[in-house]
Protein backbone atom coordinates (compact mmCIF):
# COMPACT_ATOMS: atom_id res chain seq x y z
CA UNK A 1 -30.68 36.20 84.04
CA UNK A 2 -30.51 38.25 80.85
CA UNK A 3 -31.10 41.99 80.62
CA UNK A 4 -31.94 43.29 77.15
CA UNK A 5 -31.14 46.97 76.55
CA UNK A 6 -28.42 49.48 77.34
CA UNK A 7 -30.03 52.75 78.42
CA UNK A 8 -30.58 54.52 81.73
CA UNK A 9 -33.72 52.48 82.33
CA UNK A 10 -31.78 49.24 81.95
CA UNK A 11 -28.98 50.54 84.20
CA UNK A 12 -31.68 51.05 86.85
CA UNK A 13 -32.89 47.47 86.35
CA UNK A 14 -29.32 46.16 86.61
CA UNK A 15 -28.71 48.10 89.82
CA UNK A 16 -31.98 46.75 91.28
CA UNK A 17 -30.61 43.25 90.68
CA UNK A 18 -27.00 43.96 91.67
CA UNK A 19 -27.30 42.43 95.15
CA UNK A 20 -29.77 39.70 94.16
CA UNK A 21 -28.94 36.02 94.16
CA UNK A 22 -28.50 35.69 90.40
CA UNK A 23 -25.88 35.96 87.70
CA UNK A 24 -26.77 38.88 85.46
CA UNK A 25 -25.84 39.03 81.78
CA UNK A 26 -26.67 41.89 79.45
CA UNK A 27 -26.91 42.66 75.76
CA UNK A 28 -27.54 45.90 73.89
CA UNK A 29 -26.60 47.78 70.76
CA UNK A 30 -24.49 50.17 72.86
CA UNK A 31 -22.14 49.30 75.68
CA UNK A 32 -23.39 50.86 78.91
CA UNK A 33 -20.45 51.09 81.34
CA UNK A 34 -22.72 51.10 84.40
CA UNK A 35 -24.42 47.87 83.36
CA UNK A 36 -21.11 46.32 82.30
CA UNK A 37 -19.70 46.82 85.80
CA UNK A 38 -22.63 44.92 87.34
CA UNK A 39 -23.10 42.15 84.77
CA UNK A 40 -21.04 38.99 84.43
CA UNK A 41 -20.80 39.67 80.71
CA UNK A 42 -22.04 42.33 78.28
CA UNK A 43 -22.62 41.41 74.64
CA UNK A 44 -23.02 44.09 71.97
CA UNK A 45 -25.69 42.99 69.48
CA UNK A 46 -28.83 44.10 67.67
CA UNK A 47 -31.56 43.68 70.28
CA UNK A 48 -34.28 43.87 67.62
CA UNK A 49 -32.93 40.64 66.11
CA UNK A 50 -34.73 37.82 67.93
CA UNK A 51 -32.28 35.11 66.85
CA UNK A 52 -29.26 37.12 68.03
CA UNK A 53 -30.83 37.66 71.46
CA UNK A 54 -31.98 34.05 71.91
CA UNK A 55 -28.60 32.72 70.78
CA UNK A 56 -26.86 34.82 73.42
CA UNK A 57 -29.46 33.85 76.05
CA UNK A 58 -28.79 30.16 75.36
CA UNK A 59 -25.03 30.69 75.47
CA UNK A 60 -25.24 32.06 79.03
CA UNK A 61 -27.89 29.51 80.05
CA UNK A 62 -30.41 32.18 80.99
CA UNK A 63 -33.82 31.01 82.20
CA UNK A 64 -35.23 34.51 82.74
CA UNK A 65 -34.96 37.74 80.78
CA UNK A 66 -36.02 41.34 81.34
CA UNK A 67 -36.62 43.34 78.17
CA UNK A 68 -36.09 47.07 78.66
CA UNK A 69 -36.82 49.01 75.44
CA UNK A 70 -39.90 48.95 73.26
CA UNK A 71 -38.21 48.17 69.92
CA UNK A 72 -37.26 44.57 70.87
CA UNK A 73 -40.83 44.00 72.07
CA UNK A 74 -42.17 45.18 68.73
CA UNK A 75 -39.68 42.91 66.97
CA UNK A 76 -40.95 39.83 68.82
CA UNK A 77 -37.93 39.24 71.03
CA UNK A 78 -40.15 38.21 73.97
CA UNK A 79 -41.89 35.67 71.72
CA UNK A 80 -38.56 34.21 70.61
CA UNK A 81 -37.22 33.98 74.17
CA UNK A 82 -40.42 32.37 75.48
CA UNK A 83 -40.38 29.87 72.62
CA UNK A 84 -36.73 29.07 73.40
CA UNK A 85 -37.58 28.26 77.03
CA UNK A 86 -36.34 31.58 78.46
CA UNK A 87 -39.13 33.33 80.37
CA UNK A 88 -39.31 36.91 79.13
CA UNK A 89 -40.61 39.51 81.58
CA UNK A 90 -42.09 41.58 78.82
CA UNK A 91 -45.13 41.20 76.58
CA UNK A 92 -45.19 39.21 73.40
CA UNK A 93 -45.34 41.16 70.14
CA UNK A 94 -49.13 41.06 69.85
CA UNK A 95 -49.63 42.25 73.45
CA UNK A 96 -47.00 44.97 73.03
CA UNK A 97 -49.27 46.60 70.45
CA UNK A 98 -50.83 48.40 73.42
CA UNK A 99 -47.76 50.64 73.01
CA UNK A 100 -46.44 50.06 69.51
CA UNK A 101 -49.72 50.78 67.70
CA UNK A 102 -51.59 53.80 69.07
CA UNK A 103 -54.54 53.23 66.74
CA UNK A 104 -54.89 49.70 68.12
CA UNK A 105 -54.49 51.07 71.65
CA UNK A 106 -57.41 53.48 71.30
CA UNK A 107 -59.66 50.97 69.54
CA UNK A 108 -58.83 48.40 72.23
CA UNK A 109 -59.83 50.83 74.98
CA UNK A 110 -63.07 51.66 73.20
CA UNK A 111 -63.92 48.02 72.47
CA UNK A 112 -63.34 46.94 76.09
CA UNK A 113 -64.98 50.00 77.62
CA UNK A 114 -61.83 50.92 79.52
CA UNK A 115 -62.31 54.23 81.37
CA UNK A 116 -60.19 57.28 80.64
CA UNK A 117 -60.22 57.02 76.84
CA UNK A 118 -60.42 60.39 75.06
CA UNK A 119 -62.48 60.97 71.92
CA UNK A 120 -60.43 59.98 68.86
CA UNK A 121 -60.40 59.09 65.18
CA UNK A 122 -57.77 57.22 63.15
CA UNK A 123 -56.67 58.06 59.63
CA UNK A 124 -54.59 56.51 56.85
CA UNK A 125 -55.24 59.42 54.47
CA UNK A 126 -53.40 62.56 55.61
CA UNK A 127 -55.71 64.86 53.65
CA UNK A 128 -58.70 63.32 55.39
CA UNK A 129 -56.90 63.93 58.70
CA UNK A 130 -56.37 67.57 57.75
CA UNK A 131 -60.06 67.93 56.89
CA UNK A 132 -60.94 66.51 60.30
CA UNK A 133 -58.76 69.16 61.97
CA UNK A 134 -60.70 71.84 60.06
CA UNK A 135 -64.06 70.39 61.09
CA UNK A 136 -63.26 69.61 64.74
CA UNK A 137 -64.63 71.95 67.40
CA UNK A 138 -61.60 72.23 69.67
CA UNK A 139 -57.92 71.40 69.78
CA UNK A 140 -56.47 68.01 68.87
CA UNK A 141 -53.39 65.94 69.62
CA UNK A 142 -51.74 64.50 66.50
CA UNK A 143 -50.18 61.09 67.18
CA UNK A 144 -48.37 58.85 64.71
CA UNK A 145 -49.69 55.32 65.20
CA UNK A 146 -46.23 53.74 65.45
CA UNK A 147 -43.18 54.24 67.65
CA UNK A 148 -41.46 57.62 67.51
CA UNK A 149 -39.35 57.59 70.67
CA UNK A 150 -41.69 60.01 72.41
CA UNK A 151 -40.98 62.72 69.83
CA UNK A 152 -43.75 62.36 67.25
CA UNK A 153 -46.74 63.95 68.99
CA UNK A 154 -47.87 67.47 68.11
CA UNK A 155 -50.56 69.20 70.17
CA UNK A 156 -52.64 71.90 68.51
CA UNK A 157 -53.13 74.86 70.80
CA UNK A 158 -49.95 74.04 72.72
CA UNK A 159 -47.03 73.10 70.48
CA UNK A 160 -48.43 74.03 67.06
CA UNK A 161 -51.26 75.92 65.39
CA UNK A 162 -53.88 74.07 63.36
CA UNK A 163 -52.15 75.12 60.13
CA UNK A 164 -48.77 73.94 61.44
CA UNK A 165 -50.38 70.65 62.49
CA UNK A 166 -51.75 70.10 58.99
CA UNK A 167 -48.37 70.94 57.47
CA UNK A 168 -46.77 68.42 59.83
CA UNK A 169 -49.14 65.72 58.59
CA UNK A 170 -48.63 66.56 54.92
CA UNK A 171 -44.83 66.63 55.26
CA UNK A 172 -44.69 63.39 57.23
CA UNK A 173 -44.23 59.87 55.93
CA UNK A 174 -46.66 58.35 58.43
CA UNK A 175 -49.05 55.76 57.05
CA UNK A 176 -51.49 56.05 59.98
CA UNK A 177 -52.22 58.71 62.58
CA UNK A 178 -54.54 59.14 65.54
CA UNK A 179 -56.26 62.47 66.12
CA UNK A 180 -57.71 62.82 69.58
CA UNK A 181 -59.11 65.50 71.83
CA UNK A 182 -56.48 67.62 73.52
CA UNK A 183 -56.39 66.77 77.21
CA UNK A 184 -55.76 69.67 79.60
CA UNK A 185 -54.32 69.06 83.04
CA UNK A 186 -51.17 67.62 84.58
CA UNK A 187 -49.48 64.49 83.29
CA UNK A 188 -48.32 61.66 85.52
CA UNK A 189 -47.26 58.05 85.16
CA UNK A 190 -48.06 54.91 87.11
CA UNK A 191 -46.02 51.81 86.26
CA UNK A 192 -47.29 48.33 87.11
CA UNK A 193 -45.52 44.97 87.32
CA UNK A 194 -47.86 42.41 85.79
CA UNK A 195 -47.85 38.61 85.63
CA UNK A 196 -50.14 35.66 86.27
CA UNK A 197 -53.18 37.92 86.17
CA UNK A 198 -51.88 40.09 89.02
CA UNK A 199 -50.99 43.77 89.09
CA UNK A 200 -48.48 45.42 91.42
CA UNK A 201 -48.34 49.20 91.12
CA UNK A 202 -45.57 51.70 91.87
CA UNK A 203 -45.60 55.36 92.97
CA UNK A 204 -46.73 58.07 90.56
CA UNK A 205 -44.01 59.92 88.64
CA UNK A 206 -44.10 63.09 86.56
CA UNK A 207 -41.87 63.16 83.49
CA UNK A 208 -40.77 66.33 81.68
CA UNK A 209 -40.70 65.86 77.91
CA UNK A 210 -39.97 69.40 76.78
CA UNK A 211 -36.35 70.20 76.10
CA UNK A 212 -36.03 73.51 77.95
CA UNK A 213 -36.89 75.16 81.25
CA UNK A 214 -40.46 76.30 81.69
CA UNK A 215 -41.78 73.43 79.53
CA UNK A 216 -40.54 75.12 76.36
CA UNK A 217 -39.04 73.66 73.21
CA UNK A 218 -39.48 70.39 71.33
CA UNK A 219 -40.35 67.06 72.89
CA UNK A 220 -37.55 64.72 73.89
CA UNK A 221 -37.30 61.18 75.22
CA UNK A 222 -37.60 62.78 78.68
CA UNK A 223 -35.38 65.37 80.38
CA UNK A 224 -36.10 64.19 83.91
CA UNK A 225 -38.80 63.32 86.41
CA UNK A 226 -39.73 63.33 90.08
CA UNK A 227 -41.74 61.33 92.59
CA UNK A 228 -42.86 62.11 96.13
CA UNK A 229 -42.42 60.15 99.35
CA UNK A 230 -46.03 58.98 98.94
CA UNK A 231 -47.78 57.06 96.16
CA UNK A 232 -49.30 60.23 94.73
CA UNK A 233 -47.76 63.53 93.59
CA UNK A 234 -48.30 66.96 95.21
CA UNK A 235 -50.88 68.10 92.63
CA UNK A 236 -53.07 64.99 93.04
CA UNK A 237 -54.76 63.08 95.85
CA UNK A 238 -55.01 59.39 96.71
CA UNK A 239 -58.35 59.05 94.88
CA UNK A 240 -56.74 60.34 91.67
CA UNK A 241 -53.98 57.76 92.04
CA UNK A 242 -56.44 54.93 92.71
CA UNK A 243 -58.55 55.94 89.70
CA UNK A 244 -55.44 55.54 87.55
CA UNK A 245 -54.75 52.14 89.13
CA UNK A 246 -58.32 51.09 88.30
CA UNK A 247 -57.70 51.96 84.65
CA UNK A 248 -54.48 49.90 84.60
CA UNK A 249 -56.23 46.92 86.20
CA UNK A 250 -59.11 47.12 83.71
CA UNK A 251 -56.58 47.17 80.87
CA UNK A 252 -54.69 44.16 82.21
CA UNK A 253 -57.97 42.25 82.58
CA UNK A 254 -58.85 43.01 78.97
CA UNK A 255 -55.38 42.06 77.68
CA UNK A 256 -55.74 38.60 79.31
CA UNK A 257 -52.34 37.02 79.88
CA UNK A 258 -50.18 40.15 79.73
CA UNK A 259 -46.79 39.94 81.44
CA UNK A 260 -44.10 42.51 82.08
CA UNK A 261 -44.48 46.19 82.84
CA UNK A 262 -47.58 48.15 81.89
CA UNK A 263 -46.91 51.87 82.06
CA UNK A 264 -49.92 54.14 82.13
CA UNK A 265 -49.31 57.74 81.20
CA UNK A 266 -52.25 59.82 82.40
CA UNK A 267 -53.48 63.36 82.18
CA UNK A 268 -55.13 64.44 85.41
CA UNK A 269 -58.00 66.61 84.17
CA UNK A 270 -60.78 68.41 85.98
CA UNK A 271 -62.81 65.21 85.39
CA UNK A 272 -60.14 62.83 86.70
CA UNK A 273 -57.39 60.80 85.00
CA UNK A 274 -57.52 60.26 81.23
CA UNK A 275 -55.13 58.00 79.34
CA UNK A 276 -52.48 59.79 77.28
CA UNK A 277 -50.92 56.46 76.27
CA UNK A 278 -49.82 53.05 77.49
CA UNK A 279 -46.28 51.74 77.25
CA UNK A 280 -45.32 48.09 77.46
CA UNK A 281 -42.15 48.56 79.52
CA UNK A 282 -40.57 50.69 82.24
CA UNK A 283 -40.34 54.37 81.46
CA UNK A 284 -37.04 56.10 80.88
CA UNK A 285 -36.52 58.11 83.10
CA UNK A 286 -39.37 56.87 85.35
CA UNK A 287 -37.66 53.55 86.12
CA UNK A 288 -34.87 55.56 87.74
CA UNK A 289 -37.37 57.11 90.17
CA UNK A 290 -39.19 53.87 90.95
CA UNK A 291 -36.63 51.10 91.27
CA UNK A 292 -34.26 52.85 93.74
CA UNK A 293 -37.08 53.16 96.32
CA UNK A 294 -38.38 49.60 95.86
CA UNK A 295 -37.82 47.74 99.13
CA UNK A 296 -39.23 44.46 97.82
CA UNK A 297 -36.68 42.11 96.28
CA UNK A 298 -37.07 42.74 92.53
CA UNK A 299 -35.74 39.27 91.77
CA UNK A 300 -38.58 37.74 93.80
CA UNK A 301 -41.07 39.56 91.60
CA UNK A 302 -39.38 38.27 88.45
CA UNK A 303 -39.01 34.67 89.60
CA UNK A 304 -42.58 34.68 90.92
CA UNK A 305 -43.75 35.79 87.49
CA UNK A 306 -41.70 33.08 85.80
CA UNK A 307 -42.82 30.33 88.16
CA UNK A 308 -46.53 31.17 88.00
CA UNK A 309 -46.65 32.19 91.65
CA UNK A 310 -48.47 34.99 93.44
CA UNK A 311 -46.42 38.14 93.02
CA UNK A 312 -45.16 39.65 96.27
CA UNK A 313 -46.78 42.86 97.43
CA UNK A 314 -44.54 45.84 96.73
CA UNK A 315 -43.08 48.02 99.46
CA UNK A 316 -41.39 51.35 98.84
CA UNK A 317 -39.10 53.53 100.93
CA UNK A 318 -40.75 56.83 101.99
CA UNK A 319 -38.32 58.87 99.90
CA UNK A 320 -38.85 61.50 97.24
CA UNK A 321 -36.76 61.29 94.08
CA UNK A 322 -35.69 63.79 91.46
CA UNK A 323 -34.07 62.60 88.22
CA UNK A 324 -32.33 64.98 85.83
CA UNK A 325 -30.78 63.99 82.52
CA UNK A 326 -27.57 65.53 81.20
CA UNK A 327 -27.79 65.72 77.42
CA UNK A 328 -25.32 66.87 74.77
CA UNK A 329 -25.32 70.54 73.82
CA UNK A 330 -27.82 71.15 71.03
CA UNK A 331 -30.02 68.20 71.97
CA UNK A 332 -32.52 67.25 70.59
CA UNK A 333 -32.36 69.14 67.29
CA UNK A 334 -28.62 69.55 66.69
CA UNK A 335 -26.81 67.47 69.34
CA UNK A 336 -23.03 67.75 69.58
CA UNK A 337 -21.24 64.58 70.66
CA UNK A 338 -17.82 64.20 72.25
CA UNK A 339 -18.03 65.97 75.63
CA UNK A 340 -16.20 64.14 78.40
CA UNK A 341 -18.28 63.02 81.40
CA UNK A 342 -16.37 64.10 84.51
CA UNK A 343 -18.66 62.92 87.32
CA UNK A 344 -18.65 59.31 88.53
CA UNK A 345 -20.69 57.20 90.93
CA UNK A 346 -18.25 57.59 93.83
CA UNK A 347 -18.19 61.38 93.64
CA UNK A 348 -22.01 61.41 93.38
CA UNK A 349 -22.26 59.44 96.63
CA UNK A 350 -19.80 61.74 98.39
CA UNK A 351 -21.68 64.88 97.33
CA UNK A 352 -25.04 63.43 98.39
CA UNK A 353 -23.58 62.55 101.80
CA UNK A 354 -23.00 66.24 102.43
CA UNK A 355 -26.75 66.77 101.98
CA UNK A 356 -27.75 63.86 104.21
CA UNK A 357 -29.29 62.06 101.26
CA UNK A 358 -28.41 59.75 98.42
CA UNK A 359 -27.47 60.22 94.77
CA UNK A 360 -27.36 57.66 91.99
CA UNK A 361 -25.71 58.02 88.59
CA UNK A 362 -27.20 56.18 85.63
CA UNK A 363 -25.52 55.98 82.25
CA UNK A 364 -27.64 56.06 79.11
CA UNK A 365 -26.11 56.64 75.66
CA UNK A 366 -22.38 57.19 76.14
CA UNK A 367 -19.16 56.30 74.38
CA UNK A 368 -16.95 54.33 76.78
CA UNK A 369 -13.36 54.95 75.61
CA UNK A 370 -10.02 53.98 77.12
CA UNK A 371 -9.43 57.51 78.38
CA UNK A 372 -12.93 58.10 79.76
CA UNK A 373 -16.64 58.30 79.04
CA UNK A 374 -17.93 60.70 76.38
CA UNK A 375 -21.33 61.86 75.18
CA UNK A 376 -23.01 60.66 72.00
CA UNK A 377 -25.85 62.53 70.28
CA UNK A 378 -28.53 61.15 72.63
CA UNK A 379 -29.26 61.51 76.36
CA UNK A 380 -25.96 60.86 78.13
CA UNK A 381 -26.52 60.17 81.83
CA UNK A 382 -29.00 60.85 84.59
CA UNK A 383 -28.54 61.80 88.22
CA UNK A 384 -31.20 60.84 90.76
CA UNK A 385 -31.37 62.51 94.16
CA UNK A 386 -33.18 60.71 97.00
CA UNK A 387 -34.30 62.46 100.17
CA UNK A 388 -37.27 63.02 102.47
CA UNK A 389 -38.73 65.77 100.29
CA UNK A 390 -38.77 66.65 96.59
CA UNK A 391 -36.97 69.91 97.38
CA UNK A 392 -34.12 68.13 99.17
CA UNK A 393 -33.86 65.47 96.45
CA UNK A 394 -33.66 68.20 93.80
CA UNK A 395 -30.85 69.95 95.63
CA UNK A 396 -28.86 66.71 95.74
CA UNK A 397 -29.32 66.08 92.00
CA UNK A 398 -28.29 69.67 91.24
CA UNK A 399 -25.19 69.46 93.41
CA UNK A 400 -23.98 66.35 91.60
CA UNK A 401 -24.70 67.86 88.18
CA UNK A 402 -22.83 71.02 89.14
CA UNK A 403 -19.82 68.79 89.78
CA UNK A 404 -20.21 67.41 86.26
CA UNK A 405 -19.92 70.91 84.81
CA UNK A 406 -21.70 72.49 81.88
CA UNK A 407 -19.11 72.10 79.11
CA UNK A 408 -20.74 70.25 76.22
CA UNK A 409 -23.75 69.31 78.37
CA UNK A 410 -27.19 70.71 79.08
CA UNK A 411 -29.65 70.03 81.92
CA UNK A 412 -33.23 71.12 82.62
CA UNK A 413 -32.47 72.65 85.98
CA UNK A 414 -36.09 73.47 86.86
CA UNK A 415 -37.22 69.85 87.26
CA UNK A 416 -38.25 69.26 90.88
CA UNK A 417 -37.68 72.87 91.96
CA UNK A 418 -40.33 74.28 94.36
CA UNK A 419 -41.57 76.92 91.90
CA UNK A 420 -42.30 74.39 89.16
CA UNK A 421 -43.93 71.91 91.53
CA UNK A 422 -46.11 74.70 92.95
CA UNK A 423 -47.06 75.70 89.41
CA UNK A 424 -48.44 72.18 88.89
CA UNK A 425 -50.40 72.38 92.15
CA UNK A 426 -51.86 75.78 91.26
CA UNK A 427 -52.76 74.60 87.75
CA UNK A 428 -54.79 71.66 89.06
CA UNK A 429 -56.46 73.81 91.71
CA UNK A 430 -57.52 76.28 89.01
CA UNK A 431 -58.89 73.52 86.75
CA UNK A 432 -60.92 72.07 89.60
CA UNK A 433 -62.52 75.35 90.69
């Protein structure tokens, strides 16, 4: 089997396959030491180059591949692997547009009458977009149509004023943007494994995009996330979760032939879940919450997808998870590389044992040198605590990160803490009054 990608998400996939009956090979533009320890071989290559990936897949005689990041999907790597006789668990380029082209995504939802679609308009002329902001009665979310690594969105009335939003459009080099109604509520994610017309959903997760405590600062690729010991999160109920699942299933039906992961990011509003966006792969960090609690053999899901079989039903351990990323000082605006990572997987396990729980360390973007592992300018590593409650899982993650120290690193310490979780609960209760 081939794993494409070298981030924390892909480390989670590799660990989910570590004890499976398969030989795992990996390729990425950066060498992830956690994946390298699990895989038979790790090849450094450009994963957006379809020929490079398929050549490596053939060399290791792979018959199945999991594609982690979105950029290879946009580049048609799944198409190339499929055409080369290597089943790619990931959508082909045209299907991946559900993530890679937000204008297409919204038009697709409207055309197929998929529930949860906000009001929107698309623009190629930035001055016309600015005029629409002036004429619109309410706040808007400004979304570049293409991929921006989760950092391109600006929300009027939250992150920027209307004038700042217009300046952002005029100063940008975007050729297309989507302007849509600002959704007010609490965000959550449901990830689904999809193949052969079937959908298998995973527990809800809440990501934290803002860089600093209290949901302040610029957006990032994700500073951390949490899940509960149930399918839903504390600020939602089972009906909210099932409404989101219905939206995912309607989208899969409309896509017709989709395979891989479909990630629905939702805003739970006073009127129920609305779609913030779809992604065509596991989330990062959300994969690190979901895969560690998956009891079902992940390999069975993948081989069932490849062989055209009925996908197994998914079972999850009744554990809460809290994931916190350690990032370089100054991230995301002026990141400073070169801090040594002092915590390792063995010490994480020992610390978690003192709390009667479990801790997992996932490497993301790091520099693996002869004398140790160092940070780059992107998210470095994540720690996931697992326990019976969110509070206990958060304490485990914090204890491990305290061992890592603060020199050259920064963490959003409030993720998963009782006060922040209660704030989400109170917010939804207020909206629903």
